[in-house]
Structure formats: C-alpha cells, structure tokens
C-alpha cells in the first residue's frame, strides 16, 4: 500500500499528455520528467483505446518505479487495475469515486478533478485521496473550461482536508503568484512537455515550490 505521507509530501504532479507527446517518445519523456523531479506522473490519453493505454502504461511503469514516482492513469480505472499502477484520476463527468474504487480496490490512490469550490467540497465527501482544482488560467489542455482564477485558492485550501493540486496554465512565469495565493501543490502539463529541455524545466518548476 502506498504511503499517505508520500502523497502529502508531493508538490509537482506531471502529466504525460499524448496530445503533446508522440507515443514513440513516451519512454524518453517519462524518464526526463522523473529525473527532473516530478512527485507524481499521470498518463493522459484522451480518445485512445484502453488497449493502447494499457500498453503505454506498461512501458512507463518500470521507469516510474525505478524513480519511486507513482504512476496514475487518467479516466480508466479498469486499465489502472489491470496494469497495477499506483493511481487513477477521474473527471467530473467520469466514474464516481465509489465506482472507481470498485475497480482498483482500497490501496490505489484515486484523484478527482474539480472546477469550483462547491465541486471541491462535493468531491471531498466522495472520499478521493486528492483533488485537482482548476483550471487556474486558460489552457490549451482544457480549452472548453472557463478559468477559475486564483480567488478561490485560499478558500479551497482552508476548507478541503485533502491534498489539493492546482492545475491549468501552471508555468514558471506564474508559479510565484500561484504560491502566493496559497497553493503548495501544482500540476504542470504543456509547460514541461513543450520545454526545450523537459528535465531542466521540471527541475526549475519543482525548485520554485514551497
């Protein structure tokens, strides 16, 4: 069973999003993110078949385990269960926490996306291990979502008892104002994946977190 302390201590959550990364580069990018210092790593493969996601996760898992980085699957608890990875993440329109828990059992982390303080409070009652909160800023990763801004970041951290990972447009330029708003954990996607040197950019963003 994963240590809850590991989740509490996590600060930088990376996402390997196949909207930005070619499948042929999965192993290379996974290693660069792990070496750079991500504390958690998610595989996001929107619109791809569970069979493909399972294969890619299987490619990533030996790398993430060698760096002690928990691997989390987006949207597909059945794949997370089959691969035997450390976590699964569900969105507002995806399976409930209870349904995901039926797939993965009690020892796998489950995260839930939230886009408002009310959604965060509702999610907390479902019993996830952590929540994502955002998008803070407009982002190409979630073009259909209205940015929530930074105004509710203090309230979310005051009222939610779970680890909160702020997501959406997080990059090195904005990280200080995000931290000043009260966040201590963030998710980064394109800021890392589109960097000239993924490992270096990951290291810089990690160093900017409290």
Protein backbone atom coordinates (compact mmCIF):
# COMPACT_ATOMS: atom_id res chain seq x y z
CA UNK A 1 0.00 0.00 0.00
CA UNK A 2 1.24 3.47 -0.89
CA UNK A 3 2.20 5.71 1.99
CA UNK A 4 -0.20 8.62 2.52
CA UNK A 5 2.85 10.59 3.58
CA UNK A 6 4.16 10.31 0.02
CA UNK A 7 1.02 12.00 -1.28
CA UNK A 8 1.11 14.67 1.42
CA UNK A 9 4.73 15.45 0.56
CA UNK A 10 4.12 15.60 -3.20
CA UNK A 11 4.46 19.05 -4.72
CA UNK A 12 4.86 18.69 -8.51
CA UNK A 13 2.42 16.50 -10.44
CA UNK A 14 3.39 15.95 -14.06
CA UNK A 15 1.07 14.77 -16.82
CA UNK A 16 2.34 12.96 -19.87
CA UNK A 17 -0.42 14.01 -22.26
CA UNK A 18 -0.46 12.32 -25.64
CA UNK A 19 -1.94 15.48 -27.09
CA UNK A 20 1.62 16.82 -26.78
CA UNK A 21 3.80 13.71 -26.85
CA UNK A 22 4.14 11.13 -29.61
CA UNK A 23 3.79 7.52 -28.45
CA UNK A 24 7.30 6.81 -29.71
CA UNK A 25 8.65 9.35 -27.18
CA UNK A 26 6.80 8.05 -24.12
CA UNK A 27 9.78 6.33 -22.51
CA UNK A 28 12.12 9.27 -23.16
CA UNK A 29 9.68 11.85 -21.79
CA UNK A 30 8.77 9.70 -18.79
CA UNK A 31 12.42 9.44 -17.82
CA UNK A 32 13.04 13.18 -18.31
CA UNK A 33 10.08 14.08 -16.07
CA UNK A 34 11.19 11.62 -13.39
CA UNK A 35 14.80 12.76 -13.46
CA UNK A 36 13.61 16.38 -13.33
CA UNK A 37 11.76 15.68 -10.12
CA UNK A 38 8.03 15.13 -10.61
CA UNK A 39 6.50 13.60 -7.50
CA UNK A 40 3.55 12.02 -9.35
CA UNK A 41 3.10 11.27 -13.05
CA UNK A 42 -0.17 10.79 -14.89
CA UNK A 43 -0.72 9.23 -18.29
CA UNK A 44 -3.46 11.10 -20.13
CA UNK A 45 -4.50 9.68 -23.49
CA UNK A 46 -7.86 11.21 -24.40
CA UNK A 47 -9.67 9.37 -27.16
CA UNK A 48 -7.26 6.43 -27.18
CA UNK A 49 -8.33 2.83 -26.69
CA UNK A 50 -7.89 1.11 -23.32
CA UNK A 51 -5.68 -1.45 -25.09
CA UNK A 52 -3.27 1.26 -26.23
CA UNK A 53 -3.35 2.99 -22.83
CA UNK A 54 -2.56 -0.28 -21.11
CA UNK A 55 0.43 -0.84 -23.38
CA UNK A 56 1.77 2.70 -22.86
CA UNK A 57 1.28 2.48 -19.11
CA UNK A 58 3.17 -0.80 -19.13
CA UNK A 59 6.01 0.99 -20.90
CA UNK A 60 6.05 3.78 -18.33
CA UNK A 61 5.70 1.74 -15.15
CA UNK A 62 9.23 0.25 -14.96
CA UNK A 63 10.66 3.76 -15.41
CA UNK A 64 8.42 5.47 -12.85
CA UNK A 65 9.01 2.69 -10.33
CA UNK A 66 12.77 2.96 -10.74
CA UNK A 67 12.46 6.62 -9.64
CA UNK A 68 9.82 5.93 -6.96
CA UNK A 69 7.28 8.09 -8.81
CA UNK A 70 3.66 6.86 -8.54
CA UNK A 71 2.02 6.37 -11.94
CA UNK A 72 -1.60 7.50 -12.29
CA UNK A 73 -3.93 6.67 -15.18
CA UNK A 74 -6.43 9.27 -16.36
CA UNK A 75 -10.07 8.22 -16.85
CA UNK A 76 -9.62 4.43 -16.97
CA UNK A 77 -9.80 2.64 -13.60
CA UNK A 78 -10.04 -0.68 -15.41
CA UNK A 79 -6.65 -0.03 -17.01
CA UNK A 80 -5.14 1.10 -13.71
CA UNK A 81 -6.35 -2.13 -12.12
CA UNK A 82 -5.03 -4.30 -14.92
CA UNK A 83 -1.62 -2.63 -15.10
CA UNK A 84 -1.24 -2.50 -11.33
CA UNK A 85 -0.17 1.13 -11.21
CA UNK A 86 -0.45 3.37 -8.17
CA UNK A 87 -3.39 5.60 -9.01
CA UNK A 88 -6.29 6.62 -11.19
CA UNK A 89 -7.73 10.08 -11.84
CA UNK A 90 -11.36 10.75 -12.72
CA UNK A 91 -13.07 13.88 -14.00
CA UNK A 92 -16.40 15.43 -13.12
CA UNK A 93 -18.09 13.57 -15.97
CA UNK A 94 -16.30 10.25 -15.36
CA UNK A 95 -16.90 7.40 -12.92
CA UNK A 96 -17.72 8.24 -9.31
CA UNK A 97 -15.05 7.63 -6.69
CA UNK A 98 -17.06 4.65 -5.43
CA UNK A 99 -17.22 3.10 -8.89
CA UNK A 100 -13.51 3.68 -9.49
CA UNK A 101 -12.79 2.14 -6.09
CA UNK A 102 -14.66 -0.99 -7.13
CA UNK A 103 -12.18 -1.37 -9.98
CA UNK A 104 -8.91 -0.58 -8.22
CA UNK A 105 -9.50 -1.63 -4.63
CA UNK A 106 -8.56 0.13 -1.40
CA UNK A 107 -4.82 0.50 -1.89
CA UNK A 108 -4.75 2.58 -5.10
CA UNK A 109 -4.96 6.37 -4.98
CA UNK A 110 -7.96 8.00 -6.63
CA UNK A 111 -7.95 11.66 -7.62
CA UNK A 112 -10.87 13.79 -8.76
CA UNK A 113 -10.96 16.92 -10.92
CA UNK A 114 -12.87 19.92 -9.55
CA UNK A 115 -13.58 23.28 -11.16
CA UNK A 116 -15.11 25.29 -8.29
CA UNK A 117 -15.17 25.44 -4.52
CA UNK A 118 -18.59 23.74 -4.46
CA UNK A 119 -17.30 20.88 -6.62
CA UNK A 120 -14.26 20.53 -4.38
CA UNK A 121 -16.47 20.27 -1.29
CA UNK A 122 -18.73 17.74 -3.01
CA UNK A 123 -15.73 15.71 -4.16
CA UNK A 124 -14.32 15.62 -0.64
CA UNK A 125 -17.49 13.87 0.53
CA UNK A 126 -16.93 11.14 -2.08
CA UNK A 127 -13.68 10.16 -0.43
CA UNK A 128 -10.90 10.61 -3.00
CA UNK A 129 -7.27 10.62 -1.95
CA UNK A 130 -6.63 14.04 -3.54
CA UNK A 131 -8.32 16.58 -5.78
CA UNK A 132 -7.27 18.66 -8.74
CA UNK A 133 -8.50 22.27 -8.71
CA UNK A 134 -8.68 24.47 -11.79
CA UNK A 135 -8.02 25.41 -14.47
CA UNK A 136 -6.46 28.46 -12.85
CA UNK A 137 -5.73 30.03 -16.23
CA UNK A 138 -6.84 29.47 -19.81
CA UNK A 139 -5.03 26.43 -21.15
CA UNK A 140 -4.86 24.50 -24.39
CA UNK A 141 -5.04 21.28 -22.40
CA UNK A 142 -8.60 22.13 -21.28
CA UNK A 143 -9.87 24.62 -23.91
CA UNK A 144 -13.55 24.09 -23.05
CA UNK A 145 -13.18 25.06 -19.38
CA UNK A 146 -13.56 28.61 -18.08
CA UNK A 147 -10.56 29.55 -15.92
CA UNK A 148 -11.41 29.72 -12.23
CA UNK A 149 -8.59 32.15 -11.41
CA UNK A 150 -6.82 32.42 -8.08
CA UNK A 151 -9.58 33.97 -5.96
CA UNK A 152 -10.86 30.68 -4.51
CA UNK A 153 -7.45 29.11 -3.91
CA UNK A 154 -7.30 30.27 -0.26
CA UNK A 155 -10.86 29.08 0.47
CA UNK A 156 -10.27 25.67 -1.10
CA UNK A 157 -7.15 25.17 0.99
CA UNK A 158 -8.98 26.30 4.13
CA UNK A 159 -12.00 24.02 3.64
CA UNK A 160 -10.61 20.89 1.98
CA UNK A 161 -8.77 18.38 4.14
CA UNK A 162 -7.22 16.51 1.19
CA UNK A 163 -4.08 17.27 -0.82
CA UNK A 164 -5.03 19.83 -3.48
CA UNK A 165 -3.18 20.06 -6.78
CA UNK A 166 -3.82 23.32 -8.66
CA UNK A 167 -3.89 22.86 -12.42
CA UNK A 168 -4.35 24.82 -15.61
CA UNK A 169 -1.79 27.12 -17.20
CA UNK A 170 0.79 26.48 -14.49
CA UNK A 171 4.26 27.50 -15.59
CA UNK A 172 7.44 29.05 -14.26
CA UNK A 173 6.30 32.60 -15.04
CA UNK A 174 3.13 32.22 -12.97
CA UNK A 175 4.32 29.96 -10.19
CA UNK A 176 5.10 32.73 -7.69
CA UNK A 177 1.61 34.23 -7.85
CA UNK A 178 0.08 30.76 -7.58
CA UNK A 179 2.12 30.03 -4.45
CA UNK A 180 1.34 33.48 -3.03
CA UNK A 181 -2.37 32.70 -3.46
CA UNK A 182 -1.92 29.76 -1.10
CA UNK A 183 -1.16 26.77 -3.32
CA UNK A 184 1.64 24.39 -2.42
CA UNK A 185 0.97 21.63 -4.97
CA UNK A 186 0.59 22.08 -8.72
CA UNK A 187 0.07 20.11 -11.90
CA UNK A 188 2.08 21.04 -14.98
CA UNK A 189 1.48 19.78 -18.50
CA UNK A 190 2.47 21.84 -21.55
CA UNK A 191 4.94 23.96 -19.58
CA UNK A 192 7.02 20.82 -19.14
CA UNK A 193 6.17 18.81 -22.26
CA UNK A 194 6.86 21.68 -24.69
CA UNK A 195 10.04 22.82 -22.96
CA UNK A 196 13.29 22.72 -24.93
CA UNK A 197 14.73 20.55 -22.16
CA UNK A 198 11.99 18.81 -20.19
CA UNK A 199 14.28 17.66 -17.40
CA UNK A 200 15.66 21.15 -16.77
CA UNK A 201 12.26 22.88 -16.86
CA UNK A 202 10.86 20.28 -14.46
CA UNK A 203 13.72 20.88 -12.07
CA UNK A 204 13.22 24.67 -12.18
CA UNK A 205 9.48 24.44 -11.54
CA UNK A 206 9.99 21.99 -8.68
CA UNK A 207 12.54 24.33 -7.08
CA UNK A 208 10.01 27.19 -7.16
CA UNK A 209 7.50 25.29 -5.00
CA UNK A 210 7.43 25.56 -1.19
